[in-house]
N, C-alpha and C. Protein backbone atom coordinates (compact mmCIF):
# COMPACT_ATOMS: atom_id res chain seq x y z
N MET A 1 59.68 312.35 2.54
CA MET A 1 61.15 312.08 3.19
C MET A 1 61.32 311.27 2.25
N TYR A 2 60.79 309.45 2.14
CA TYR A 2 61.03 308.60 1.12
C TYR A 2 61.60 308.97 -0.60
N LYS A 3 60.42 309.52 -1.00
CA LYS A 3 60.79 310.69 -2.26
C LYS A 3 61.90 311.88 -2.27
N ILE A 4 62.59 312.13 -1.43
CA ILE A 4 63.46 313.58 -1.33
C ILE A 4 64.48 312.63 -1.11
N ILE A 5 64.44 310.95 -0.48
CA ILE A 5 65.73 310.90 -0.21
C ILE A 5 66.51 309.53 -1.43
N GLU A 6 64.87 309.54 -1.82
CA GLU A 6 65.42 308.49 -3.28
C GLU A 6 65.65 309.09 -4.52
N ALA A 7 65.44 310.38 -4.46
CA ALA A 7 65.99 311.58 -5.48
C ALA A 7 67.56 311.93 -5.27
N ILE A 8 68.06 312.16 -3.67
CA ILE A 8 68.96 312.15 -3.70
C ILE A 8 70.58 310.97 -3.67
N LYS A 9 70.06 309.72 -3.50
CA LYS A 9 70.10 308.97 -3.58
C LYS A 9 70.81 308.57 -5.39
N SER A 10 69.42 308.80 -5.87
CA SER A 10 69.89 308.96 -7.38
C SER A 10 70.95 309.98 -7.77
N GLN A 11 71.08 310.61 -7.36
CA GLN A 11 72.23 311.94 -7.59
C GLN A 11 73.93 311.64 -8.28
N THR A 12 73.94 311.86 -9.58
CA THR A 12 75.24 311.72 -9.99
C THR A 12 76.51 311.79 -8.78
N LEU A 13 76.44 311.99 -8.08
CA LEU A 13 77.55 312.51 -6.75
C LEU A 13 76.67 312.76 -5.47
N VAL A 14 76.17 311.10 -4.51
CA VAL A 14 75.88 310.97 -3.86
C VAL A 14 76.37 311.06 -2.69
N PRO A 15 75.86 312.58 -1.71
CA PRO A 15 76.57 312.76 -0.65
C PRO A 15 76.36 311.71 0.58
N ASN A 16 76.78 311.97 1.65
CA ASN A 16 76.21 311.62 3.00
C ASN A 16 75.31 312.02 3.54
N ILE A 17 73.73 311.60 3.94
CA ILE A 17 72.70 311.34 3.72
C ILE A 17 71.85 311.15 5.71
N PHE A 18 72.38 312.61 5.85
CA PHE A 18 71.64 313.15 7.16
C PHE A 18 70.43 313.64 7.43
N VAL A 19 69.11 312.50 8.04
CA VAL A 19 68.13 313.14 8.64
C VAL A 19 67.99 313.25 9.85
N ILE A 20 67.68 314.80 9.74
CA ILE A 20 67.20 315.49 11.60
C ILE A 20 65.43 315.07 11.90
N ASP A 21 65.43 314.15 12.47
CA ASP A 21 64.08 313.89 12.45
C ASP A 21 63.60 314.51 14.49
N ASN A 22 62.78 315.37 13.45
CA ASN A 22 62.45 316.08 15.20
C ASN A 22 61.35 315.76 15.17
N ALA A 23 60.75 314.99 14.94
CA ALA A 23 59.54 313.97 15.31
C ALA A 23 59.83 312.52 16.33
N SER A 24 61.06 312.24 16.40
CA SER A 24 61.53 311.11 17.25
C SER A 24 61.25 310.81 18.36
N SER A 25 60.46 311.52 19.51
CA SER A 25 60.07 310.91 19.75
C SER A 25 58.04 310.84 19.77
N ASP A 26 57.40 311.29 18.96
CA ASP A 26 56.57 310.65 18.07
C ASP A 26 56.32 309.51 18.35
N PRO A 27 55.62 308.38 18.21
CA PRO A 27 55.50 307.19 17.69
C PRO A 27 55.05 307.33 16.56
N LEU A 28 53.88 308.45 16.33
CA LEU A 28 53.36 308.43 15.13
C LEU A 28 53.02 309.35 13.87
N ASN A 29 54.45 309.62 14.26
CA ASN A 29 54.76 310.97 13.35
C ASN A 29 56.51 310.28 12.88
N ARG A 30 57.15 309.61 13.60
CA ARG A 30 58.89 309.62 13.78
C ARG A 30 58.97 309.28 12.28
N PHE A 31 60.12 309.60 11.77
CA PHE A 31 60.77 309.12 10.49
C PHE A 31 61.45 307.65 10.26
N ASP A 32 60.62 306.22 10.18
CA ASP A 32 61.21 304.84 10.30
C ASP A 32 61.74 305.00 8.92
N ALA A 33 63.13 305.16 8.98
CA ALA A 33 64.12 304.16 7.51
C ALA A 33 64.15 303.18 6.95
N ASN A 34 63.76 303.23 6.06
CA ASN A 34 64.14 301.49 5.49
C ASN A 34 65.49 301.94 4.28
N PHE A 35 66.39 302.49 4.70
CA PHE A 35 67.25 303.38 3.98
C PHE A 35 68.88 302.82 4.16
N GLN A 36 70.01 302.12 3.25
CA GLN A 36 70.64 302.29 3.37
C GLN A 36 71.15 303.47 3.95
N ASP A 37 72.80 303.25 4.48
CA ASP A 37 73.47 304.81 4.32
C ASP A 37 72.55 305.90 4.46
N VAL A 38 71.73 306.05 5.46
CA VAL A 38 71.03 307.13 5.79
C VAL A 38 71.14 307.11 7.35
N LYS A 39 71.39 308.40 8.17
CA LYS A 39 71.82 308.43 9.34
C LYS A 39 71.01 309.10 9.94
N VAL A 40 70.05 308.71 11.33
CA VAL A 40 69.02 309.41 11.03
C VAL A 40 69.31 310.28 12.48
N ILE A 41 69.52 311.60 12.61
CA ILE A 41 69.68 311.32 13.87
C ILE A 41 68.44 312.11 14.76
N PRO A 42 68.24 311.53 15.83
CA PRO A 42 66.95 312.07 16.86
C PRO A 42 66.68 313.18 17.37
N SER A 43 65.66 313.94 17.85
CA SER A 43 66.04 315.42 17.80
C SER A 43 64.55 316.29 18.95
N ASP A 44 64.16 315.97 19.90
CA ASP A 44 63.36 316.48 20.38
C ASP A 44 62.42 317.94 19.96
N ASN A 45 63.10 318.27 18.70
CA ASN A 45 62.58 319.32 18.51
C ASN A 45 63.15 320.82 18.72
N SER A 46 63.66 321.17 20.08
CA SER A 46 64.37 322.00 20.73
C SER A 46 64.36 323.40 20.12
N LYS A 47 65.69 322.75 19.56
CA LYS A 47 66.88 323.61 18.50
C LYS A 47 65.94 323.75 17.01
N MET A 48 64.63 322.74 17.01
CA MET A 48 64.00 323.20 15.69
C MET A 48 64.88 322.91 14.49
N CYS A 49 65.10 324.05 13.11
CA CYS A 49 65.76 323.79 12.19
C CYS A 49 67.18 324.13 12.16
N TRP A 50 67.80 324.46 13.73
CA TRP A 50 68.97 324.69 13.95
C TRP A 50 69.63 323.74 14.15
N GLU A 51 69.19 322.53 14.76
CA GLU A 51 69.72 321.08 14.78
C GLU A 51 70.45 320.75 13.41
N ARG A 52 70.01 320.90 12.25
CA ARG A 52 70.74 320.93 11.19
C ARG A 52 71.93 321.95 10.88
N TRP A 53 72.44 322.51 11.74
CA TRP A 53 73.54 323.92 11.28
C TRP A 53 74.34 323.20 12.27
N LEU A 54 74.60 322.38 13.19
CA LEU A 54 74.99 321.68 14.18
C LEU A 54 75.58 320.88 14.06
N SER A 55 74.43 319.77 13.35
CA SER A 55 75.27 318.47 12.40
C SER A 55 76.34 319.11 11.26
N ALA A 56 75.88 319.95 10.42
CA ALA A 56 76.85 320.42 9.87
C ALA A 56 78.57 320.92 10.18
N LEU A 57 78.20 321.67 10.80
CA LEU A 57 79.71 322.43 12.28
C LEU A 57 80.06 320.91 12.49
N ASP A 58 79.60 320.05 12.61
CA ASP A 58 80.48 318.85 13.12
C ASP A 58 80.77 317.48 12.12
N PHE A 59 80.38 318.14 10.83
CA PHE A 59 80.73 316.92 9.38
C PHE A 59 82.17 317.12 9.55
N ALA A 60 82.77 316.33 9.26
CA ALA A 60 84.47 317.21 8.28
C ALA A 60 84.36 317.03 7.06
N GLY A 61 83.95 316.50 5.99
CA GLY A 61 83.89 317.15 4.60
C GLY A 61 83.92 318.68 4.16
N ASP A 62 83.89 318.70 2.81
CA ASP A 62 84.52 319.98 2.05
C ASP A 62 83.32 321.02 2.38
N TYR A 63 82.02 320.59 1.45
CA TYR A 63 81.05 321.13 2.16
C TYR A 63 79.69 320.38 2.92
N SER A 64 78.57 321.32 3.15
CA SER A 64 76.77 320.30 3.62
C SER A 64 76.28 321.64 2.67
N CYS A 65 75.58 320.50 2.24
CA CYS A 65 74.33 320.62 1.79
C CYS A 65 72.59 320.34 2.68
N ILE A 66 72.59 321.48 3.10
CA ILE A 66 70.91 322.07 3.75
C ILE A 66 69.91 321.96 2.86
N MET A 67 68.76 320.65 3.26
CA MET A 67 67.42 320.91 2.06
C MET A 67 66.12 320.57 3.17
N ASP A 68 65.14 321.60 2.90
CA ASP A 68 64.15 321.11 3.06
C ASP A 68 63.75 319.77 3.02
N ASP A 69 62.47 319.87 3.92
CA ASP A 69 61.86 318.84 3.00
C ASP A 69 60.72 318.86 2.61
N ASP A 70 60.10 319.71 1.64
CA ASP A 70 59.33 320.57 1.05
C ASP A 70 59.82 320.81 -0.71
N ILE A 71 61.01 320.01 -0.81
CA ILE A 71 61.70 320.02 -1.90
C ILE A 71 62.02 319.38 -2.54
N ILE A 72 62.16 319.21 -3.69
CA ILE A 72 62.69 317.86 -4.17
C ILE A 72 63.72 318.21 -5.80
N PHE A 73 64.64 317.28 -5.60
CA PHE A 73 65.22 317.66 -7.12
C PHE A 73 64.24 316.87 -8.35
N THR A 74 64.89 317.44 -9.16
CA THR A 74 63.93 317.44 -10.64
C THR A 74 65.33 317.00 -11.99
N GLN A 75 66.61 316.86 -11.53
CA GLN A 75 67.57 316.24 -12.09
C GLN A 75 68.87 315.74 -11.63
N ASN A 76 69.49 314.87 -12.02
CA ASN A 76 70.17 313.98 -11.23
C ASN A 76 71.60 314.43 -10.95
N ASN A 77 71.83 315.34 -11.14
CA ASN A 77 73.61 316.08 -11.13
C ASN A 77 73.04 317.08 -10.37
N VAL A 78 72.26 317.62 -9.60
CA VAL A 78 72.32 318.35 -9.04
C VAL A 78 72.97 318.89 -8.37
N ILE A 79 73.71 317.93 -6.88
CA ILE A 79 74.87 317.95 -5.84
C ILE A 79 76.56 318.46 -6.85
N GLU A 80 76.08 317.40 -8.15
CA GLU A 80 77.70 317.24 -8.85
C GLU A 80 77.90 318.83 -9.28
N LYS A 81 76.99 319.06 -9.67
CA LYS A 81 76.87 320.98 -10.12
C LYS A 81 76.74 321.87 -9.47
N CYS A 82 76.56 321.44 -7.72
CA CYS A 82 77.10 322.38 -7.13
C CYS A 82 78.16 322.05 -6.30
N PHE A 83 78.69 320.84 -6.80
CA PHE A 83 80.27 320.78 -6.20
C PHE A 83 81.30 321.26 -6.84
N HIS A 84 80.93 321.38 -8.60
CA HIS A 84 82.20 321.90 -9.64
C HIS A 84 81.61 323.00 -9.26
N TYR A 85 80.75 324.28 -9.02
CA TYR A 85 80.74 325.27 -9.40
C TYR A 85 81.32 325.67 -8.20
N MET A 86 81.35 325.22 -6.55
CA MET A 86 82.11 325.56 -5.51
C MET A 86 83.45 325.67 -5.84
N GLU A 87 84.07 324.39 -6.59
CA GLU A 87 85.32 323.97 -6.73
C GLU A 87 85.86 325.22 -7.56
N GLN A 88 85.10 325.71 -8.62
CA GLN A 88 85.66 326.85 -9.79
C GLN A 88 85.34 328.55 -9.57
N ASN A 89 84.25 328.48 -8.34
CA ASN A 89 84.63 329.36 -7.52
C ASN A 89 84.92 329.85 -6.17
N LYS A 90 86.04 329.48 -5.80
CA LYS A 90 86.82 329.53 -4.27
C LYS A 90 85.82 330.55 -3.72
N LYS A 91 86.35 331.98 -3.77
CA LYS A 91 85.72 333.21 -3.20
C LYS A 91 83.79 333.27 -2.88
N VAL A 92 83.15 332.23 -3.14
CA VAL A 92 81.79 331.95 -3.17
C VAL A 92 81.04 331.17 -1.93
N ASP A 93 81.03 331.92 -0.80
CA ASP A 93 81.38 331.22 0.67
C ASP A 93 79.90 329.98 0.03
N ALA A 94 78.74 330.03 -0.07
CA ALA A 94 77.48 329.23 -0.36
C ALA A 94 76.58 330.12 -1.48
N ILE A 95 75.95 328.58 -2.18
CA ILE A 95 75.27 328.39 -3.28
C ILE A 95 73.75 328.00 -2.57
N GLY A 96 72.91 328.29 -3.24
CA GLY A 96 70.80 328.35 -2.89
C GLY A 96 70.48 328.19 -4.24
N ALA A 97 68.96 327.91 -4.14
CA ALA A 97 68.17 327.54 -4.94
C ALA A 97 66.91 329.48 -4.75
N TYR A 98 67.28 329.56 -3.70
CA TYR A 98 65.71 331.00 -3.27
C TYR A 98 66.82 331.70 -2.39
N GLY A 99 66.38 333.14 -2.72
CA GLY A 99 67.17 334.02 -2.42
C GLY A 99 66.39 335.45 -1.72
N VAL A 100 66.94 336.07 -1.28
CA VAL A 100 66.33 337.24 -0.70
C VAL A 100 67.49 338.65 -0.89
N LYS A 101 67.00 339.48 -2.24
CA LYS A 101 67.98 340.42 -1.95
C LYS A 101 67.55 341.40 -1.13
N TYR A 102 67.92 341.22 -0.18
CA TYR A 102 67.36 341.86 1.83
C TYR A 102 68.29 343.57 1.16
N LEU A 103 67.54 344.39 1.41
CA LEU A 103 67.62 346.03 1.82
C LEU A 103 67.18 346.32 3.05
N LYS A 104 67.41 346.96 4.32
CA LYS A 104 67.21 346.89 5.50
C LYS A 104 66.30 347.74 5.51
N GLN A 105 66.12 348.60 4.55
CA GLN A 105 65.16 350.43 4.84
C GLN A 105 63.44 349.83 4.51
N LEU A 106 63.96 348.22 3.59
CA LEU A 106 62.72 347.67 2.90
C LEU A 106 61.97 347.06 4.17
N GLY A 107 63.47 345.98 4.72
CA GLY A 107 62.43 344.98 5.58
C GLY A 107 62.86 343.75 4.92
N TYR A 108 62.34 342.52 5.06
CA TYR A 108 62.77 341.28 4.82
C TYR A 108 61.39 341.05 3.71
N PHE A 109 60.38 341.34 3.94
CA PHE A 109 59.39 340.97 3.06
C PHE A 109 58.84 342.11 1.60
N ARG A 110 59.40 343.53 2.13
CA ARG A 110 59.00 344.06 1.13
C ARG A 110 60.39 343.68 0.17
N SER A 111 61.57 343.58 0.00
CA SER A 111 63.10 342.81 -0.20
C SER A 111 62.40 342.27 -1.48
N GLU A 112 63.17 342.65 -2.49
CA GLU A 112 62.51 341.14 -3.52
C GLU A 112 63.22 339.99 -3.23
N HIS A 113 62.66 339.17 -3.08
CA HIS A 113 62.90 337.47 -3.24
C HIS A 113 62.37 336.98 -4.34
N THR A 114 63.29 336.45 -4.44
CA THR A 114 63.78 335.73 -6.05
C THR A 114 64.56 333.70 -5.64
N TYR A 115 65.16 333.59 -7.15
CA TYR A 115 64.99 331.76 -7.12
C TYR A 115 66.41 331.96 -8.77
N CYS A 116 66.81 331.17 -8.72
CA CYS A 116 67.58 330.67 -9.55
C CYS A 116 67.03 331.10 -10.77
N LYS A 117 67.81 331.64 -11.68
CA LYS A 117 67.85 331.80 -12.97
C LYS A 117 68.67 331.82 -13.83
N HIS A 118 68.69 332.35 -15.35
CA HIS A 118 69.12 331.49 -16.28
C HIS A 118 71.35 332.32 -15.95
N LYS A 119 71.07 333.45 -14.95
CA LYS A 119 72.56 333.54 -14.98
C LYS A 119 72.58 333.53 -12.98
N ASP A 120 74.07 333.80 -12.73
CA ASP A 120 74.37 334.35 -11.39
C ASP A 120 73.62 335.36 -11.18
N VAL A 121 73.11 335.17 -9.64
CA VAL A 121 72.23 335.99 -8.69
C VAL A 121 73.00 336.21 -7.81
N PRO A 122 73.90 337.27 -7.61
CA PRO A 122 74.44 337.22 -5.92
C PRO A 122 73.51 337.77 -4.54
N VAL A 123 72.86 337.12 -3.67
CA VAL A 123 72.07 337.25 -2.42
C VAL A 123 72.60 338.43 -1.41
N PRO A 124 71.87 338.70 -0.77
CA PRO A 124 72.51 338.93 0.77
C PRO A 124 72.15 337.22 1.84
N ILE A 125 70.66 337.15 1.46
CA ILE A 125 70.10 335.98 2.23
C ILE A 125 69.45 334.37 1.14
N LEU A 126 70.67 333.83 1.63
CA LEU A 126 69.82 332.40 0.78
C LEU A 126 68.75 331.76 2.22
N LYS A 127 67.99 331.77 1.21
CA LYS A 127 66.56 330.80 2.10
C LYS A 127 67.59 328.98 2.08
N GLY A 128 66.96 328.74 3.75
CA GLY A 128 67.20 327.14 3.68
C GLY A 128 66.37 326.45 3.58
N ARG A 129 65.79 326.62 2.42
CA ARG A 129 65.24 325.53 1.12
C ARG A 129 66.00 324.76 1.00
N PHE A 130 67.32 325.22 0.16
CA PHE A 130 68.45 324.99 0.03
C PHE A 130 69.86 325.75 0.08
N MET A 131 70.09 325.27 0.46
CA MET A 131 72.00 325.95 0.67
C MET A 131 72.82 324.43 0.49
N PHE A 132 73.92 325.32 -0.11
CA PHE A 132 75.02 324.27 -0.29
C PHE A 132 76.27 325.07 0.03
N VAL A 133 77.15 325.03 1.35
CA VAL A 133 77.72 325.54 1.82
C VAL A 133 79.38 324.99 2.15
N ARG A 134 80.21 326.13 1.85
CA ARG A 134 81.12 325.66 2.18
C ARG A 134 81.60 325.67 3.53
N ASN A 135 81.96 324.06 4.35
CA ASN A 135 82.22 324.21 5.52
C ASN A 135 83.23 324.89 5.88
N SER A 136 84.37 325.72 5.49
CA SER A 136 85.69 326.65 6.31
C SER A 136 84.48 328.16 6.27
N SER A 137 83.83 327.84 5.84
CA SER A 137 83.29 329.49 5.95
C SER A 137 82.10 329.54 7.11
N ILE A 138 81.68 328.14 7.77
CA ILE A 138 81.07 328.58 8.80
C ILE A 138 81.89 327.80 9.70
N ALA A 139 82.97 328.16 9.84
CA ALA A 139 83.86 326.87 10.91
C ALA A 139 83.48 327.76 12.17
N TYR A 140 83.91 328.54 12.00
CA TYR A 140 83.71 329.64 13.09
C TYR A 140 82.13 330.52 13.41
N LEU A 141 81.13 329.80 12.95
CA LEU A 141 79.78 330.15 12.98
C LEU A 141 79.43 330.09 14.62
N ASN A 142 78.47 331.40 15.15
CA ASN A 142 78.20 331.10 16.52
C ASN A 142 77.41 329.91 16.89
N ARG A 143 77.41 329.21 17.63
CA ARG A 143 76.28 328.49 17.50
C ARG A 143 75.24 328.70 18.36
N GLU A 144 75.13 330.04 18.84
CA GLU A 144 73.61 330.07 19.52
C GLU A 144 72.69 329.70 18.87
N THR A 145 71.18 329.17 19.23
CA THR A 145 70.16 328.14 18.82
C THR A 145 70.07 329.27 17.79
N GLU A 146 69.07 329.98 16.76
CA GLU A 146 68.51 329.91 15.65
C GLU A 146 67.43 329.31 15.59
N PRO A 147 66.44 329.51 15.90
CA PRO A 147 65.08 327.75 15.61
C PRO A 147 64.57 327.54 14.54
N THR A 148 64.55 329.22 14.09
CA THR A 148 63.69 329.12 13.15
C THR A 148 63.90 330.18 11.72
N CYS A 149 64.55 331.08 12.13
CA CYS A 149 65.20 331.78 10.69
C CYS A 149 67.00 331.87 11.02
N ASP A 150 66.92 330.33 11.30
CA ASP A 150 68.49 329.83 10.78
C ASP A 150 69.24 330.70 9.10
N ASP A 151 68.55 330.40 8.35
CA ASP A 151 69.32 330.18 6.93
C ASP A 151 69.50 331.58 6.94
N ILE A 152 68.83 332.30 7.84
CA ILE A 152 68.85 334.43 7.75
C ILE A 152 70.45 334.40 8.51
N LYS A 153 70.38 333.77 9.62
CA LYS A 153 71.39 334.14 11.34
C LYS A 153 73.04 333.40 10.13
N VAL A 154 72.99 332.57 9.73
CA VAL A 154 73.88 332.04 8.97
C VAL A 154 74.41 332.61 7.59
N SER A 155 73.12 333.29 6.62
CA SER A 155 73.58 333.88 5.21
C SER A 155 74.26 335.15 5.97
N SER A 156 73.63 335.95 6.82
CA SER A 156 74.68 337.03 7.53
C SER A 156 75.67 336.89 7.47
N PHE A 157 76.32 335.85 8.29
CA PHE A 157 77.84 335.47 8.71
C PHE A 157 78.50 335.06 7.16
N LEU A 158 78.61 334.35 6.13
CA LEU A 158 78.19 333.64 5.32
C LEU A 158 78.92 335.65 4.85
N ARG A 159 79.66 335.64 3.63
CA ARG A 159 79.99 336.98 3.09
C ARG A 159 79.81 336.88 1.15
N VAL A 160 79.86 335.81 0.79
CA VAL A 160 79.91 336.24 -0.66
C VAL A 160 78.51 334.49 -0.70
N LYS A 161 76.87 335.34 -1.44
CA LYS A 161 76.22 334.07 -1.70
C LYS A 161 75.31 334.11 -2.92
N VAL A 162 75.22 333.18 -3.59
CA VAL A 162 74.71 333.50 -4.86
C VAL A 162 73.57 331.90 -5.52
N LEU A 163 73.02 332.53 -6.29
CA LEU A 163 72.04 331.84 -7.08
C LEU A 163 72.36 331.09 -7.78
N PRO A 164 73.02 330.35 -7.96
CA PRO A 164 74.04 330.38 -10.13
C PRO A 164 73.26 329.89 -10.73
N GLY A 165 73.52 330.28 -11.70
CA GLY A 165 72.15 329.95 -13.14
C GLY A 165 72.29 327.91 -13.29
N CYS A 166 73.87 327.47 -12.88
CA CYS A 166 73.30 326.35 -13.61
C CYS A 166 72.36 325.45 -12.93
N LEU A 167 71.81 326.08 -11.97
CA LEU A 167 70.64 325.29 -10.74
C LEU A 167 69.26 325.77 -11.34
N VAL A 168 69.14 326.28 -12.59
CA VAL A 168 68.37 326.78 -13.09
C VAL A 168 67.05 325.28 -13.13
N ASN A 169 65.67 325.47 -13.15
CA ASN A 169 65.33 324.84 -12.93
C ASN A 169 65.19 323.20 -12.35
N SER A 170 66.46 323.43 -11.51
CA SER A 170 66.41 322.09 -10.43
C SER A 170 65.90 320.92 -9.92
N PHE A 171 64.54 321.67 -9.28
CA PHE A 171 64.27 321.73 -8.06
C PHE A 171 62.11 321.87 -8.37
N GLU A 172 61.48 321.26 -7.32
CA GLU A 172 59.91 320.87 -7.83
C GLU A 172 59.69 321.57 -6.31
N ASP A 173 58.49 321.76 -6.01
CA ASP A 173 58.00 321.97 -4.70
C ASP A 173 57.18 321.13 -4.33
N LEU A 174 57.43 320.59 -3.01
CA LEU A 174 56.30 319.64 -2.60
C LEU A 174 55.12 320.29 -1.96
N PRO A 175 54.07 319.22 -2.08
CA PRO A 175 52.84 320.42 -1.47
C PRO A 175 53.03 319.86 0.07
N THR A 176 52.43 321.42 0.91
CA THR A 176 52.52 321.65 2.32
C THR A 176 51.66 321.63 2.93
N GLY A 177 51.62 321.69 4.03
CA GLY A 177 50.16 321.50 5.01
C GLY A 177 50.33 322.46 6.13
N ASN A 178 49.80 322.43 7.46
CA ASN A 178 49.44 323.33 8.25
C ASN A 178 50.88 323.32 9.18
N GLU A 179 51.41 321.96 9.37
CA GLU A 179 52.71 322.05 9.77
C GLU A 179 53.74 323.15 9.08
N SER A 180 53.91 323.18 8.08
CA SER A 180 54.87 324.13 7.75
C SER A 180 55.13 325.13 8.63
N LEU A 181 56.68 325.73 8.24
CA LEU A 181 56.46 327.06 9.50
C LEU A 181 56.27 328.09 8.67
N SER A 182 56.12 328.24 7.13
CA SER A 182 55.73 329.32 6.21
C SER A 182 54.23 329.89 6.73
N ALA A 183 53.17 328.32 7.12
CA ALA A 183 51.60 328.64 7.55
C ALA A 183 51.65 328.77 8.89
N LYS A 184 52.51 329.57 10.00
CA LYS A 184 52.58 329.90 11.23
C LYS A 184 52.56 330.92 11.24
N SER A 185 51.70 331.81 12.49
CA SER A 185 51.17 332.82 12.07
C SER A 185 52.48 333.85 12.63
N TYR A 186 53.59 333.38 12.99
CA TYR A 186 54.05 334.26 14.05
C TYR A 186 55.73 334.24 13.29
N GLN A 187 55.36 333.38 12.12
CA GLN A 187 56.90 332.90 11.53
C GLN A 187 57.17 334.44 10.43
N SER A 188 55.77 334.94 9.81
CA SER A 188 56.41 336.28 9.39
C SER A 188 57.03 337.53 10.25
N THR A 189 56.51 337.90 11.43
CA THR A 189 57.75 338.08 12.58
C THR A 189 58.42 338.14 12.74
N LYS A 190 59.03 337.36 13.24
CA LYS A 190 60.09 336.28 13.24
C LYS A 190 61.20 336.61 12.13
N ARG A 191 61.07 336.59 11.20
CA ARG A 191 61.68 336.55 10.20
C ARG A 191 61.71 337.86 9.49
N GLU A 192 60.99 338.50 10.00
CA GLU A 192 61.33 340.12 10.00
C GLU A 192 62.77 340.74 10.94
N TYR A 193 62.26 340.43 11.92
CA TYR A 193 62.97 340.63 13.11
C TYR A 193 63.89 339.94 12.72
N ALA A 194 64.66 339.19 12.67
CA ALA A 194 66.29 338.26 12.27
C ALA A 194 65.98 339.12 11.57
N ALA A 195 66.26 339.77 10.54
CA ALA A 195 66.66 340.12 8.93
C ALA A 195 67.25 341.19 9.70
N ASN A 196 66.85 342.02 10.20
CA ASN A 196 66.53 343.71 11.13
C ASN A 196 67.71 342.96 12.19
N ARG A 197 67.91 342.42 12.75
CA ARG A 197 68.49 341.72 13.84
C ARG A 197 70.21 341.45 13.67
N TYR A 198 70.23 340.69 12.26
CA TYR A 198 71.60 339.75 12.00
C TYR A 198 72.08 340.93 11.07
N PHE A 199 71.55 341.71 9.94
CA PHE A 199 72.09 342.63 9.55
C PHE A 199 72.30 344.00 10.18
N LYS A 200 73.26 343.95 10.20
CA LYS A 200 73.37 345.27 11.33
C LYS A 200 74.12 346.28 10.21
């Protein structure tokens, strides 16, 4: 987390930074921030990933950037590139780094999973690892909790979603362990169910 925050604070366009601390009640694993201008939001983890969207819905800015804790910027102008792309493409509701060309007849995992390339790629589902969202596009998003498939729910609500070519080579994966959602045995079933539920 410290490395991620340093990379964010080194951006040419520095955003307001909020950290959802889902381990805030655990003295061994809670996030003890030593950063100025970083707001830590304590959470009991009952809403899991959905907590970040509640924060985004209550934020008054034009855009929200949702980011997981297993990915980091490799360039110092990623936020600025996102901002300019959205300003120049007013019909786009959200952009991201990873997505799914979801086809209901194939299901979530058999559909093509892709990432930023050298051209803009429209996708039905943006993965929650990194999403840059126009706040006006989620103003009326249903606030009912979707704990671990939040990105699928939000993607189904948004109309135009793109993996923009300007973000190619902008991210690096960080190591993950058994604590990661993708490593949980139940998560694949939940994502398959969520895609089928939200994409009618």
